N, C-alpha and C. Protein backbone atom coordinates (compact mmCIF):
# COMPACT_ATOMS: atom_id res chain seq x y z
N MET A 1 0.59 -1.37 0.01
CA MET A 1 0.07 -0.10 0.17
C MET A 1 0.89 0.92 -0.11
N GLU A 2 1.97 1.25 0.73
CA GLU A 2 2.78 2.63 0.83
C GLU A 2 3.42 2.46 -0.42
N LYS A 3 3.54 1.63 -1.41
CA LYS A 3 4.46 1.91 -2.79
C LYS A 3 3.36 2.60 -3.59
N LEU A 4 1.97 2.39 -3.42
CA LEU A 4 0.96 2.66 -4.28
C LEU A 4 0.81 4.46 -4.01
N PHE A 5 0.84 4.78 -2.87
CA PHE A 5 0.47 6.16 -2.47
C PHE A 5 2.00 6.90 -2.83
N ARG A 6 3.11 6.46 -2.56
CA ARG A 6 4.55 7.00 -3.10
C ARG A 6 4.44 7.25 -4.31
N ALA A 7 3.86 6.25 -5.12
CA ALA A 7 3.94 6.41 -6.73
C ALA A 7 3.03 7.55 -7.11
N ILE A 8 1.85 7.53 -6.18
CA ILE A 8 0.82 8.60 -7.10
C ILE A 8 1.27 10.12 -6.59
N ARG A 9 2.15 10.28 -5.17
CA ARG A 9 2.48 11.57 -5.12
C ARG A 9 3.74 11.79 -6.12
N HIS A 10 4.49 10.74 -6.86
CA HIS A 10 5.53 11.08 -7.46
C HIS A 10 5.14 11.14 -8.96
N GLY A 11 4.10 10.70 -9.03
CA GLY A 11 3.33 10.91 -10.31
C GLY A 11 3.77 9.84 -11.49
N ASP A 12 4.32 8.50 -10.83
CA ASP A 12 4.66 7.26 -11.41
C ASP A 12 3.37 6.67 -12.03
N ILE A 13 2.85 6.79 -12.95
CA ILE A 13 1.61 6.34 -13.58
C ILE A 13 1.65 4.82 -13.64
N ALA A 14 2.91 4.42 -14.39
CA ALA A 14 3.32 3.07 -14.66
C ALA A 14 3.16 2.20 -13.61
N VAL A 15 3.95 2.58 -12.29
CA VAL A 15 3.79 1.99 -11.19
C VAL A 15 2.31 1.70 -10.49
N VAL A 16 1.83 2.86 -10.62
CA VAL A 16 0.33 2.83 -10.11
C VAL A 16 -0.34 1.72 -10.65
N ALA A 17 -0.45 1.93 -12.57
CA ALA A 17 -1.06 0.76 -13.35
C ALA A 17 -0.77 -0.52 -12.91
N ALA A 18 0.54 -1.25 -12.43
CA ALA A 18 1.19 -1.85 -12.34
C ALA A 18 0.80 -2.92 -11.10
N LEU A 19 0.40 -1.84 -10.14
CA LEU A 19 0.19 -2.54 -8.66
C LEU A 19 -1.72 -2.70 -8.71
N LEU A 20 -2.20 -1.72 -9.36
CA LEU A 20 -3.73 -2.03 -9.51
C LEU A 20 -3.91 -3.35 -10.49
N ASP A 21 -2.99 -3.69 -11.26
CA ASP A 21 -3.41 -4.59 -12.25
C ASP A 21 -3.16 -5.91 -11.01
N LYS A 22 -2.02 -5.79 -10.36
CA LYS A 22 -1.68 -7.04 -9.46
C LYS A 22 -2.88 -7.35 -8.51
N ASN A 23 -3.36 -5.84 -7.99
CA ASN A 23 -4.38 -6.26 -6.66
C ASN A 23 -5.32 -5.03 -6.99
N PRO A 24 -6.39 -5.27 -8.01
CA PRO A 24 -7.45 -4.43 -8.06
C PRO A 24 -8.00 -3.63 -6.89
N ALA A 25 -8.02 -4.24 -5.68
CA ALA A 25 -8.63 -3.85 -4.36
C ALA A 25 -7.87 -2.95 -3.94
N LEU A 26 -6.79 -2.26 -4.68
CA LEU A 26 -6.26 -1.27 -3.96
C LEU A 26 -6.50 0.07 -4.49
N VAL A 27 -7.23 0.16 -5.33
CA VAL A 27 -7.86 1.26 -5.73
C VAL A 27 -8.87 1.83 -4.64
N ALA A 28 -9.35 0.82 -3.62
CA ALA A 28 -10.05 1.35 -2.16
C ALA A 28 -9.31 1.34 -0.99
N ALA A 29 -7.86 1.05 -1.32
CA ALA A 29 -7.02 1.31 0.02
C ALA A 29 -7.00 2.47 0.73
N VAL A 30 -7.00 2.37 2.15
CA VAL A 30 -7.16 3.37 3.08
C VAL A 30 -5.85 3.76 3.54
N ARG A 31 -5.24 4.77 3.22
CA ARG A 31 -3.84 5.08 3.95
C ARG A 31 -3.63 5.20 5.15
N LYS A 32 -2.92 4.19 5.81
CA LYS A 32 -2.57 4.70 7.17
C LYS A 32 -1.20 5.06 7.64
N PRO A 33 -1.00 5.96 8.75
CA PRO A 33 0.18 6.87 8.68
C PRO A 33 1.26 5.75 9.24
N PRO A 34 2.64 6.21 9.10
CA PRO A 34 3.24 7.31 8.33
C PRO A 34 2.83 7.49 7.00
N PRO A 35 3.09 8.38 6.15
CA PRO A 35 3.06 9.75 6.83
C PRO A 35 1.77 10.31 7.04
N LYS A 36 1.65 11.19 8.19
CA LYS A 36 0.35 11.66 8.97
C LYS A 36 -0.48 12.33 7.68
N LYS A 37 0.15 13.09 6.65
CA LYS A 37 -0.63 14.09 5.39
C LYS A 37 -1.60 13.10 4.78
N ASP A 38 -1.32 11.88 4.55
CA ASP A 38 -2.31 11.03 3.95
C ASP A 38 -2.95 10.14 4.42
N ALA A 39 -3.09 10.24 5.75
CA ALA A 39 -3.72 9.15 6.99
C ALA A 39 -5.47 9.34 6.51
N GLY A 40 -5.91 8.16 6.26
CA GLY A 40 -7.43 7.90 6.12
C GLY A 40 -7.69 8.23 4.72
N GLN A 41 -6.99 8.44 3.85
CA GLN A 41 -7.63 8.93 2.64
C GLN A 41 -7.35 7.67 1.57
N GLN A 42 -7.80 8.09 0.39
CA GLN A 42 -7.86 6.52 -0.59
C GLN A 42 -7.01 7.21 -1.37
N PRO A 43 -6.73 6.60 -2.66
CA PRO A 43 -5.75 6.94 -3.47
C PRO A 43 -6.34 8.14 -4.47
N LEU A 44 -7.62 7.94 -4.67
CA LEU A 44 -8.03 9.31 -5.62
C LEU A 44 -7.77 10.63 -4.99
N GLY A 45 -8.13 10.76 -3.77
CA GLY A 45 -7.91 11.97 -2.92
C GLY A 45 -6.69 12.25 -3.04
N VAL A 46 -5.69 11.52 -3.02
CA VAL A 46 -4.27 12.14 -2.77
C VAL A 46 -3.82 12.31 -4.46
N ALA A 47 -4.22 11.61 -5.53
CA ALA A 47 -3.94 12.05 -6.83
C ALA A 47 -4.71 13.55 -7.09
N LEU A 48 -5.90 13.62 -6.67
CA LEU A 48 -6.29 14.99 -6.81
C LEU A 48 -5.69 16.06 -6.16
N LYS A 49 -5.36 15.88 -4.86
CA LYS A 49 -4.84 16.80 -4.11
C LYS A 49 -3.18 17.46 -4.56
N THR A 50 -2.90 16.56 -5.32
CA THR A 50 -1.49 16.55 -5.83
C THR A 50 -1.36 16.79 -7.18
N ALA A 51 -2.69 17.06 -7.75
CA ALA A 51 -2.84 17.42 -9.21
C ALA A 51 -2.05 16.33 -10.11
N ARG A 52 -2.33 15.20 -9.78
CA ARG A 52 -1.86 13.87 -10.68
C ARG A 52 -3.04 13.35 -11.51
N TYR A 53 -3.52 14.48 -12.28
CA TYR A 53 -4.97 14.30 -13.10
C TYR A 53 -4.67 12.78 -13.87
N GLU A 54 -3.68 12.38 -14.37
CA GLU A 54 -3.70 11.26 -15.33
C GLU A 54 -4.10 10.11 -14.39
N ILE A 55 -3.28 10.29 -13.00
CA ILE A 55 -3.35 9.07 -12.23
C ILE A 55 -4.80 9.11 -11.84
N ALA A 56 -5.51 10.30 -11.40
CA ALA A 56 -6.77 10.46 -11.22
C ALA A 56 -7.79 9.60 -11.90
N ARG A 57 -7.42 10.02 -13.25
CA ARG A 57 -8.28 9.17 -14.45
C ARG A 57 -8.33 7.83 -14.31
N LEU A 58 -6.89 7.29 -14.07
CA LEU A 58 -6.79 5.61 -13.75
C LEU A 58 -7.78 5.35 -12.90
N LEU A 59 -7.26 5.81 -12.02
CA LEU A 59 -8.00 5.31 -10.67
C LEU A 59 -9.69 5.47 -10.84
N LEU A 60 -10.20 6.00 -11.32
CA LEU A 60 -11.66 6.01 -12.18
C LEU A 60 -11.91 5.18 -12.90
N ASP A 61 -11.03 4.89 -14.02
CA ASP A 61 -11.28 3.85 -14.54
C ASP A 61 -11.38 2.47 -14.08
N ARG A 62 -10.64 2.19 -12.75
CA ARG A 62 -10.51 1.07 -12.00
C ARG A 62 -11.44 0.96 -11.01
N GLY A 63 -12.42 2.05 -10.87
CA GLY A 63 -13.66 1.81 -9.95
C GLY A 63 -13.59 2.87 -8.82
N ALA A 64 -12.53 3.68 -8.67
CA ALA A 64 -12.44 4.63 -7.21
C ALA A 64 -13.74 5.25 -6.95
N ASP A 65 -14.00 5.35 -5.72
CA ASP A 65 -15.37 5.73 -5.08
C ASP A 65 -15.26 7.13 -5.14
N VAL A 66 -16.34 7.62 -5.82
CA VAL A 66 -16.54 9.28 -5.77
C VAL A 66 -17.10 9.65 -4.74
N ASP A 67 -17.68 8.85 -3.90
CA ASP A 67 -18.30 9.39 -2.60
C ASP A 67 -17.56 8.96 -1.41
N PHE A 68 -16.33 8.96 -1.61
CA PHE A 68 -15.35 8.44 -0.23
C PHE A 68 -15.22 9.65 0.46
N ILE A 69 -15.32 9.35 1.98
CA ILE A 69 -15.04 10.49 2.85
C ILE A 69 -14.27 9.66 4.09
N GLU A 70 -13.30 10.40 4.54
CA GLU A 70 -12.57 9.72 5.63
C GLU A 70 -13.20 9.60 6.73
N ALA A 71 -12.66 8.96 7.45
CA ALA A 71 -13.54 8.28 8.90
C ALA A 71 -13.76 9.65 9.84
N PRO A 72 -14.59 9.37 10.91
CA PRO A 72 -14.61 10.70 11.68
C PRO A 72 -13.50 11.36 12.51
N SER A 73 -12.27 9.75 12.64
CA SER A 73 -11.25 10.32 13.45
C SER A 73 -10.25 11.38 12.71
N ILE A 74 -10.35 11.42 11.36
CA ILE A 74 -9.57 12.20 10.60
C ILE A 74 -9.77 13.71 10.97
N PRO A 75 -8.96 14.44 11.29
CA PRO A 75 -9.20 16.07 11.43
C PRO A 75 -9.48 16.50 10.21
N GLY A 76 -10.47 17.46 10.05
CA GLY A 76 -10.76 17.99 8.59
C GLY A 76 -10.90 17.33 7.45
N ARG A 77 -11.68 16.23 7.61
CA ARG A 77 -11.84 14.97 6.78
C ARG A 77 -13.17 15.79 5.77
N GLN A 78 -12.74 15.41 4.37
CA GLN A 78 -13.58 16.10 3.26
C GLN A 78 -14.25 15.18 2.20
N PRO A 79 -15.20 14.79 1.78
CA PRO A 79 -15.37 13.91 0.71
C PRO A 79 -14.52 14.21 -0.39
N VAL A 80 -14.56 13.06 -1.08
CA VAL A 80 -13.44 13.08 -2.28
C VAL A 80 -13.62 14.33 -3.18
N ILE A 81 -15.49 14.36 -3.55
CA ILE A 81 -15.50 15.50 -4.73
C ILE A 81 -15.28 16.88 -4.21
N ASN A 82 -15.15 16.90 -3.00
CA ASN A 82 -14.62 18.28 -2.41
C ASN A 82 -13.19 18.58 -2.79
N ASP A 83 -12.43 17.53 -2.97
CA ASP A 83 -11.11 17.30 -3.53
C ASP A 83 -11.02 18.00 -4.97
N ALA A 84 -11.92 17.13 -5.51
CA ALA A 84 -12.06 17.66 -7.04
C ALA A 84 -12.49 18.89 -7.41
N VAL A 85 -13.30 19.29 -6.36
CA VAL A 85 -13.68 20.74 -6.50
C VAL A 85 -12.73 21.72 -6.25
N GLU A 86 -11.90 21.46 -5.29
CA GLU A 86 -10.88 22.61 -5.04
C GLU A 86 -9.75 22.51 -6.08
N ALA A 87 -9.55 21.26 -6.75
CA ALA A 87 -8.50 21.08 -7.87
C ALA A 87 -9.02 21.91 -9.01
N ALA A 88 -10.17 21.74 -9.00
CA ALA A 88 -10.96 22.57 -10.23
C ALA A 88 -10.77 24.35 -10.29
N LEU A 89 -11.17 24.51 -8.88
CA LEU A 89 -11.24 25.88 -8.34
C LEU A 89 -9.73 26.42 -8.75
N VAL A 90 -8.95 25.84 -8.09
CA VAL A 90 -7.22 26.35 -7.44
C VAL A 90 -7.11 26.41 -9.54
N ASP A 91 -7.16 25.57 -10.20
CA ASP A 91 -6.79 25.65 -11.57
C ASP A 91 -7.35 26.88 -12.19
N ALA A 92 -8.50 26.97 -11.86
CA ALA A 92 -9.28 28.48 -12.57
C ALA A 92 -8.86 29.53 -11.98
N LEU A 93 -8.35 29.72 -10.76
CA LEU A 93 -8.09 31.26 -10.11
C LEU A 93 -6.69 31.59 -10.57
N ARG A 94 -5.99 30.32 -10.83
CA ARG A 94 -4.57 30.74 -11.46
C ARG A 94 -4.44 30.73 -12.86
N LEU A 95 -5.47 30.22 -13.59
CA LEU A 95 -5.85 30.18 -14.80
C LEU A 95 -4.60 29.06 -15.57
N ASN A 96 -4.25 28.24 -14.56
CA ASN A 96 -3.62 26.99 -15.08
C ASN A 96 -4.14 26.30 -16.48
N ALA A 97 -2.92 25.82 -17.06
CA ALA A 97 -3.17 25.52 -18.51
C ALA A 97 -4.01 23.92 -18.03
N THR A 98 -3.84 23.58 -16.94
CA THR A 98 -4.46 22.24 -16.49
C THR A 98 -5.93 22.41 -16.13
N ARG A 99 -6.67 23.33 -16.04
CA ARG A 99 -7.98 23.56 -15.82
C ARG A 99 -8.64 23.05 -16.30
N THR A 100 -8.62 22.56 -17.93
CA THR A 100 -9.61 21.76 -18.54
C THR A 100 -9.81 20.27 -18.28
N GLU A 101 -8.46 19.57 -17.52
CA GLU A 101 -8.24 18.34 -17.13
C GLU A 101 -9.08 18.39 -15.62
N SER A 102 -8.79 19.36 -14.89
CA SER A 102 -9.49 19.10 -13.66
C SER A 102 -10.81 19.49 -13.63
N LEU A 103 -11.30 20.34 -14.65
CA LEU A 103 -12.76 20.56 -14.81
C LEU A 103 -13.30 19.05 -15.44
N ALA A 104 -12.62 18.23 -16.58
CA ALA A 104 -13.13 17.07 -16.99
C ALA A 104 -13.33 16.01 -15.81
N LEU A 105 -12.20 15.83 -14.94
CA LEU A 105 -12.49 15.11 -13.51
C LEU A 105 -13.69 15.48 -12.80
N LEU A 106 -13.65 16.70 -12.42
CA LEU A 106 -14.83 16.82 -11.66
C LEU A 106 -16.42 16.57 -12.38
N THR A 107 -16.21 16.87 -13.35
CA THR A 107 -17.36 16.40 -14.32
C THR A 107 -17.62 14.88 -14.67
N ARG A 108 -16.61 14.39 -14.68
CA ARG A 108 -16.81 13.00 -14.72
C ARG A 108 -17.11 12.25 -13.56
N MET A 109 -16.55 12.77 -12.15
CA MET A 109 -17.16 12.41 -11.00
C MET A 109 -18.67 12.88 -10.60
N LEU A 110 -19.11 13.74 -11.07
CA LEU A 110 -20.49 14.42 -10.95
C LEU A 110 -21.39 13.16 -11.86
N ASP A 111 -20.99 12.99 -13.16
CA ASP A 111 -21.77 12.08 -14.00
C ASP A 111 -21.95 10.96 -13.52
N ALA A 112 -20.63 10.31 -12.70
CA ALA A 112 -20.81 8.95 -12.05
C ALA A 112 -21.56 8.72 -10.88
N GLY A 113 -22.46 10.06 -10.30
CA GLY A 113 -23.32 10.34 -9.46
C GLY A 113 -22.78 10.74 -7.73
N ALA A 114 -21.59 11.28 -8.18
CA ALA A 114 -21.16 11.99 -6.73
C ALA A 114 -22.07 12.97 -6.19
N ASP A 115 -22.44 12.66 -4.67
CA ASP A 115 -23.34 13.36 -4.09
C ASP A 115 -22.99 14.80 -3.78
N VAL A 116 -23.82 15.84 -4.29
CA VAL A 116 -23.50 17.26 -4.34
C VAL A 116 -24.41 17.62 -3.30
N ALA A 117 -25.64 16.70 -2.89
CA ALA A 117 -26.89 17.48 -2.10
C ALA A 117 -26.57 17.51 -0.57
N THR A 118 -26.07 16.26 -0.08
CA THR A 118 -26.03 16.13 1.62
C THR A 118 -25.22 16.92 1.76
N PRO A 119 -25.21 17.97 2.94
CA PRO A 119 -24.21 18.58 3.76
C PRO A 119 -23.28 17.85 4.19
N HIS A 120 -21.99 18.39 4.41
CA HIS A 120 -21.13 17.67 4.98
C HIS A 120 -21.59 17.03 6.71
N PRO A 121 -20.99 15.76 6.88
CA PRO A 121 -21.48 15.32 8.09
C PRO A 121 -21.09 16.22 9.25
N ASP A 122 -19.85 16.88 9.21
CA ASP A 122 -19.57 17.41 10.43
C ASP A 122 -20.00 19.07 10.57
N THR A 123 -19.74 19.70 9.35
CA THR A 123 -19.81 21.19 9.19
C THR A 123 -20.98 21.47 8.73
N GLN A 124 -21.74 20.72 8.17
CA GLN A 124 -22.98 20.98 7.45
C GLN A 124 -22.77 21.78 6.31
N ARG A 125 -21.47 22.13 5.78
CA ARG A 125 -21.49 22.80 4.58
C ARG A 125 -21.88 22.09 3.27
N THR A 126 -22.62 22.50 2.50
CA THR A 126 -22.74 21.96 1.25
C THR A 126 -21.50 22.25 0.31
N VAL A 127 -21.53 21.25 -0.78
CA VAL A 127 -20.69 21.00 -1.62
C VAL A 127 -20.28 22.64 -2.26
N LEU A 128 -21.42 23.20 -2.61
CA LEU A 128 -21.41 24.38 -3.31
C LEU A 128 -20.99 25.36 -2.36
N GLY A 129 -21.05 25.39 -0.82
CA GLY A 129 -20.77 26.27 0.10
C GLY A 129 -19.00 26.02 0.32
N TRP A 130 -18.74 24.58 0.09
CA TRP A 130 -17.55 24.46 0.04
C TRP A 130 -16.55 24.94 -1.06
N ALA A 131 -17.61 25.30 -2.04
CA ALA A 131 -16.71 25.53 -3.32
C ALA A 131 -16.36 27.37 -3.21
N VAL A 132 -17.34 27.92 -2.61
CA VAL A 132 -17.29 29.20 -2.21
C VAL A 132 -16.30 29.62 -1.14
N PHE A 133 -16.35 28.68 -0.15
CA PHE A 133 -15.11 28.89 0.86
C PHE A 133 -13.90 28.70 0.17
N ARG A 134 -13.85 27.87 -0.73
CA ARG A 134 -12.38 27.35 -1.20
C ARG A 134 -11.67 28.70 -1.89
N VAL A 135 -12.83 29.36 -2.54
CA VAL A 135 -12.69 30.45 -3.47
C VAL A 135 -12.06 31.89 -2.85
N TRP A 136 -12.68 31.75 -1.65
CA TRP A 136 -12.06 32.79 -0.82
C TRP A 136 -10.79 32.20 0.02
N ARG A 137 -10.66 31.17 0.25
CA ARG A 137 -9.33 30.60 0.82
C ARG A 137 -8.27 30.88 -0.15
N TRP A 138 -8.43 30.80 -1.39
CA TRP A 138 -7.23 30.82 -2.19
C TRP A 138 -7.37 32.32 -3.00
N HIS A 139 -8.47 33.22 -2.59
CA HIS A 139 -8.43 34.54 -3.54
C HIS A 139 -9.27 35.24 -3.00
N LYS A 140 -8.80 36.31 -2.07
CA LYS A 140 -9.60 37.25 -1.32
C LYS A 140 -9.36 38.71 -1.81
N GLU A 141 -9.61 38.65 -3.03
CA GLU A 141 -9.57 39.87 -3.84
C GLU A 141 -10.59 39.65 -4.89
N GLN A 142 -11.03 40.88 -5.72
CA GLN A 142 -12.08 40.90 -6.78
C GLN A 142 -11.45 40.04 -7.86
N LEU A 143 -12.40 39.33 -8.21
CA LEU A 143 -12.02 38.45 -9.21
C LEU A 143 -11.74 39.40 -10.61
N THR A 144 -10.89 38.89 -11.22
CA THR A 144 -10.79 39.46 -12.73
C THR A 144 -11.81 38.70 -13.81
N LEU A 145 -12.07 39.45 -14.75
CA LEU A 145 -12.88 38.71 -15.71
C LEU A 145 -12.52 37.47 -15.99
N ALA A 146 -11.04 37.22 -16.58
CA ALA A 146 -10.58 35.68 -16.96
C ALA A 146 -10.89 34.82 -15.84
N GLN A 147 -10.94 35.21 -14.69
CA GLN A 147 -11.09 34.20 -13.32
C GLN A 147 -12.52 33.80 -13.27
N VAL A 148 -13.49 35.02 -13.62
CA VAL A 148 -14.75 34.84 -13.58
C VAL A 148 -15.25 33.52 -14.85
N GLU A 149 -14.55 33.94 -16.00
CA GLU A 149 -14.62 33.08 -17.16
C GLU A 149 -14.35 31.67 -16.70
N ALA A 150 -13.52 31.44 -16.09
CA ALA A 150 -12.76 30.16 -15.95
C ALA A 150 -13.33 29.39 -14.67
N LEU A 151 -14.01 30.15 -13.74
CA LEU A 151 -14.78 29.63 -12.62
C LEU A 151 -15.99 29.24 -12.92
N THR A 152 -16.64 29.56 -13.71
CA THR A 152 -18.05 29.45 -14.46
C THR A 152 -18.17 28.08 -14.48
N PRO A 153 -17.83 27.49 -15.42
CA PRO A 153 -18.02 26.37 -15.58
C PRO A 153 -17.93 25.27 -14.45
N VAL A 154 -17.11 25.57 -13.35
CA VAL A 154 -16.71 24.73 -12.59
C VAL A 154 -18.16 24.75 -11.61
N PHE A 155 -18.59 26.14 -11.27
CA PHE A 155 -19.90 26.25 -10.45
C PHE A 155 -21.13 25.43 -11.36
N GLN A 156 -21.18 25.84 -12.77
CA GLN A 156 -22.29 25.33 -13.55
C GLN A 156 -22.30 24.12 -13.36
N ALA A 157 -21.34 23.16 -13.52
CA ALA A 157 -20.73 21.63 -13.02
C ALA A 157 -21.84 21.41 -12.09
N LEU A 158 -21.59 21.92 -11.14
CA LEU A 158 -21.89 21.66 -9.25
C LEU A 158 -23.54 21.61 -9.62
N ILE A 159 -23.77 23.03 -10.46
CA ILE A 159 -25.61 23.05 -10.38
C ILE A 159 -26.27 21.95 -10.91
N ASP A 160 -25.53 21.99 -12.24
CA ASP A 160 -26.32 20.88 -12.88
C ASP A 160 -26.28 19.66 -12.55
N ALA A 161 -25.28 19.21 -11.52
CA ALA A 161 -25.19 17.88 -10.71
C ALA A 161 -26.54 17.83 -9.62
N GLY A 162 -26.95 18.93 -9.36
CA GLY A 162 -27.83 19.07 -8.50
C GLY A 162 -27.63 19.85 -7.35
N ALA A 163 -26.38 20.50 -7.00
CA ALA A 163 -26.23 21.67 -5.93
C ALA A 163 -27.31 22.69 -6.15
N ASP A 164 -27.87 23.13 -5.03
CA ASP A 164 -28.64 24.26 -5.04
C ASP A 164 -28.25 25.26 -4.14
N PRO A 165 -28.16 26.45 -4.97
CA PRO A 165 -27.37 27.68 -4.41
C PRO A 165 -28.42 28.47 -3.15
N ASP A 166 -29.75 27.64 -3.27
CA ASP A 166 -30.67 28.35 -2.29
C ASP A 166 -31.06 27.27 -1.18
N ALA A 167 -30.22 26.25 -0.91
CA ALA A 167 -30.44 25.32 -0.10
C ALA A 167 -29.43 25.62 1.16
N PRO A 168 -30.13 26.00 2.20
CA PRO A 168 -29.61 26.19 3.53
C PRO A 168 -29.28 24.79 4.36
N SER A 169 -28.75 24.65 5.13
CA SER A 169 -28.33 23.26 5.82
C SER A 169 -28.87 23.77 7.28
N SER A 170 -28.86 22.52 8.34
CA SER A 170 -29.28 22.94 9.56
C SER A 170 -27.78 23.96 10.46
N GLU A 171 -26.91 24.20 9.66
CA GLU A 171 -26.17 25.03 10.45
C GLU A 171 -25.50 26.15 9.58
N GLN A 172 -25.83 26.11 8.33
CA GLN A 172 -25.26 27.16 7.27
C GLN A 172 -26.57 27.80 6.50
N THR A 173 -26.43 29.05 6.41
CA THR A 173 -27.35 29.49 5.43
C THR A 173 -26.92 29.21 3.97
N SER A 174 -27.86 29.54 3.14
CA SER A 174 -27.57 29.15 1.70
C SER A 174 -26.48 29.98 1.12
N VAL A 175 -25.99 29.51 -0.14
CA VAL A 175 -24.91 30.03 -0.86
C VAL A 175 -25.37 31.53 -1.16
N ARG A 176 -26.47 31.59 -1.80
CA ARG A 176 -26.83 32.84 -2.24
C ARG A 176 -27.18 34.04 -0.92
N THR A 177 -27.50 33.45 -0.08
CA THR A 177 -27.89 34.49 1.02
C THR A 177 -26.37 34.82 1.73
N HIS A 178 -25.42 33.76 1.63
CA HIS A 178 -24.24 34.07 2.06
C HIS A 178 -23.76 35.07 1.17
N LEU A 179 -23.57 34.59 0.07
CA LEU A 179 -23.11 35.53 -1.18
C LEU A 179 -23.60 36.95 -1.06
N THR A 180 -24.80 37.28 -0.99
CA THR A 180 -25.56 38.59 -1.07
C THR A 180 -25.47 39.37 0.42
N GLU A 181 -25.09 38.37 1.61
CA GLU A 181 -24.96 39.42 2.81
C GLU A 181 -23.18 40.04 2.76
N SER A 182 -22.57 39.21 2.19
CA SER A 182 -21.28 39.51 2.13
C SER A 182 -20.97 40.22 1.04
N GLY A 183 -21.52 40.11 0.08
CA GLY A 183 -21.48 40.75 -1.07
C GLY A 183 -21.76 42.43 -0.91
N SER A 184 -23.04 42.51 -0.23
CA SER A 184 -23.50 43.96 -0.11
C SER A 184 -22.65 44.54 0.73
N ARG A 185 -21.77 44.01 1.48
CA ARG A 185 -20.51 44.82 2.30
C ARG A 185 -19.26 45.20 1.65
N GLY A 186 -19.49 44.58 0.22
CA GLY A 186 -18.28 44.72 -0.67
C GLY A 186 -17.05 43.70 -0.41
N GLN A 187 -17.26 42.74 0.57
CA GLN A 187 -16.23 41.58 0.74
C GLN A 187 -16.01 41.04 -0.65
N GLU A 188 -14.97 40.59 -0.72
CA GLU A 188 -14.57 40.03 -1.87
C GLU A 188 -14.01 38.60 -1.26
N PRO A 189 -13.80 37.48 -2.21
CA PRO A 189 -14.46 37.70 -3.54
C PRO A 189 -16.00 37.34 -3.68
N TYR A 190 -16.56 37.61 -2.33
CA TYR A 190 -18.08 37.32 -2.37
C TYR A 190 -18.90 38.10 -3.59
N ALA A 191 -18.42 39.41 -3.50
CA ALA A 191 -18.94 40.58 -4.13
C ALA A 191 -18.94 39.89 -5.67
N SER A 192 -17.93 39.36 -6.21
CA SER A 192 -17.59 38.97 -7.47
C SER A 192 -18.66 37.50 -7.74
N LEU A 193 -18.65 36.76 -6.86
CA LEU A 193 -19.14 35.49 -7.23
C LEU A 193 -20.65 35.60 -7.21
N LEU A 194 -21.47 36.42 -6.64
CA LEU A 194 -22.86 36.58 -6.39
C LEU A 194 -23.07 36.70 -7.78
N PRO A 195 -22.83 37.62 -8.68
CA PRO A 195 -23.35 37.95 -9.87
C PRO A 195 -23.02 36.52 -11.08
N LEU A 196 -22.25 35.75 -10.29
CA LEU A 196 -21.65 34.80 -11.29
C LEU A 196 -22.60 33.43 -11.04
N ILE A 197 -22.80 33.24 -9.80
CA ILE A 197 -24.15 32.55 -9.44
C ILE A 197 -25.52 32.80 -9.78
N ASP A 198 -25.59 34.14 -9.82
CA ASP A 198 -26.86 34.55 -10.23
C ASP A 198 -27.17 34.33 -11.78
N GLY A 199 -26.03 34.38 -12.63
CA GLY A 199 -26.34 34.15 -13.84
C GLY A 199 -26.21 32.74 -14.31
N LEU A 200 -25.99 31.92 -13.45
CA LEU A 200 -25.87 30.49 -13.88
C LEU A 200 -27.04 29.81 -14.08
N GLY A 201 -27.04 29.09 -15.58
CA GLY A 201 -28.63 28.44 -15.89
C GLY A 201 -28.75 27.18 -14.74
N GLN A 202 -30.32 26.92 -14.52
CA GLN A 202 -30.54 25.79 -13.90
C GLN A 202 -30.35 24.65 -14.77
N PRO A 203 -30.34 23.31 -14.09
CA PRO A 203 -30.59 22.13 -15.39
C PRO A 203 -32.03 21.82 -15.70
């Protein structure tokens, strides 16, 4: 198992493929420490977090679970769809050449039925709420037109898959309410995200 996770971080797809050929069940392996940074994760999450997109595609080909989430004992655990969302958002915000790849991976996971409706079991934040939060985490300024254009298909993909910008949870206001309240105070990037969300078509 250690060899598999090491190969993912090094981007060695040949080794990953060979290990999965030998033991297909490794696609669902859960990493045990050390190292602590990968503890509780499955291979797909590590591939997404390290931008090893070719390996992520291979793992999906081999049946990786698009709804996996770490055990409750893992601090800051996130469903693997959130890892895909963050990869796509970071690529969009930085206008990386890989943004088409990360968006395609996110869309593929959504098409495979990844859950975007159920709030996080610990924070009660929805997947769409997570997306807004991570844009703020990576970019606390007004979004440029190029960034808005790159972010739009990411948010559209989530809404097309059933994410509802008007759905609150037991502990969180809806995404639209949050953006409206923060944006009315001129707080960025929320002020830039509100017209983006308002302009998206519904499925």
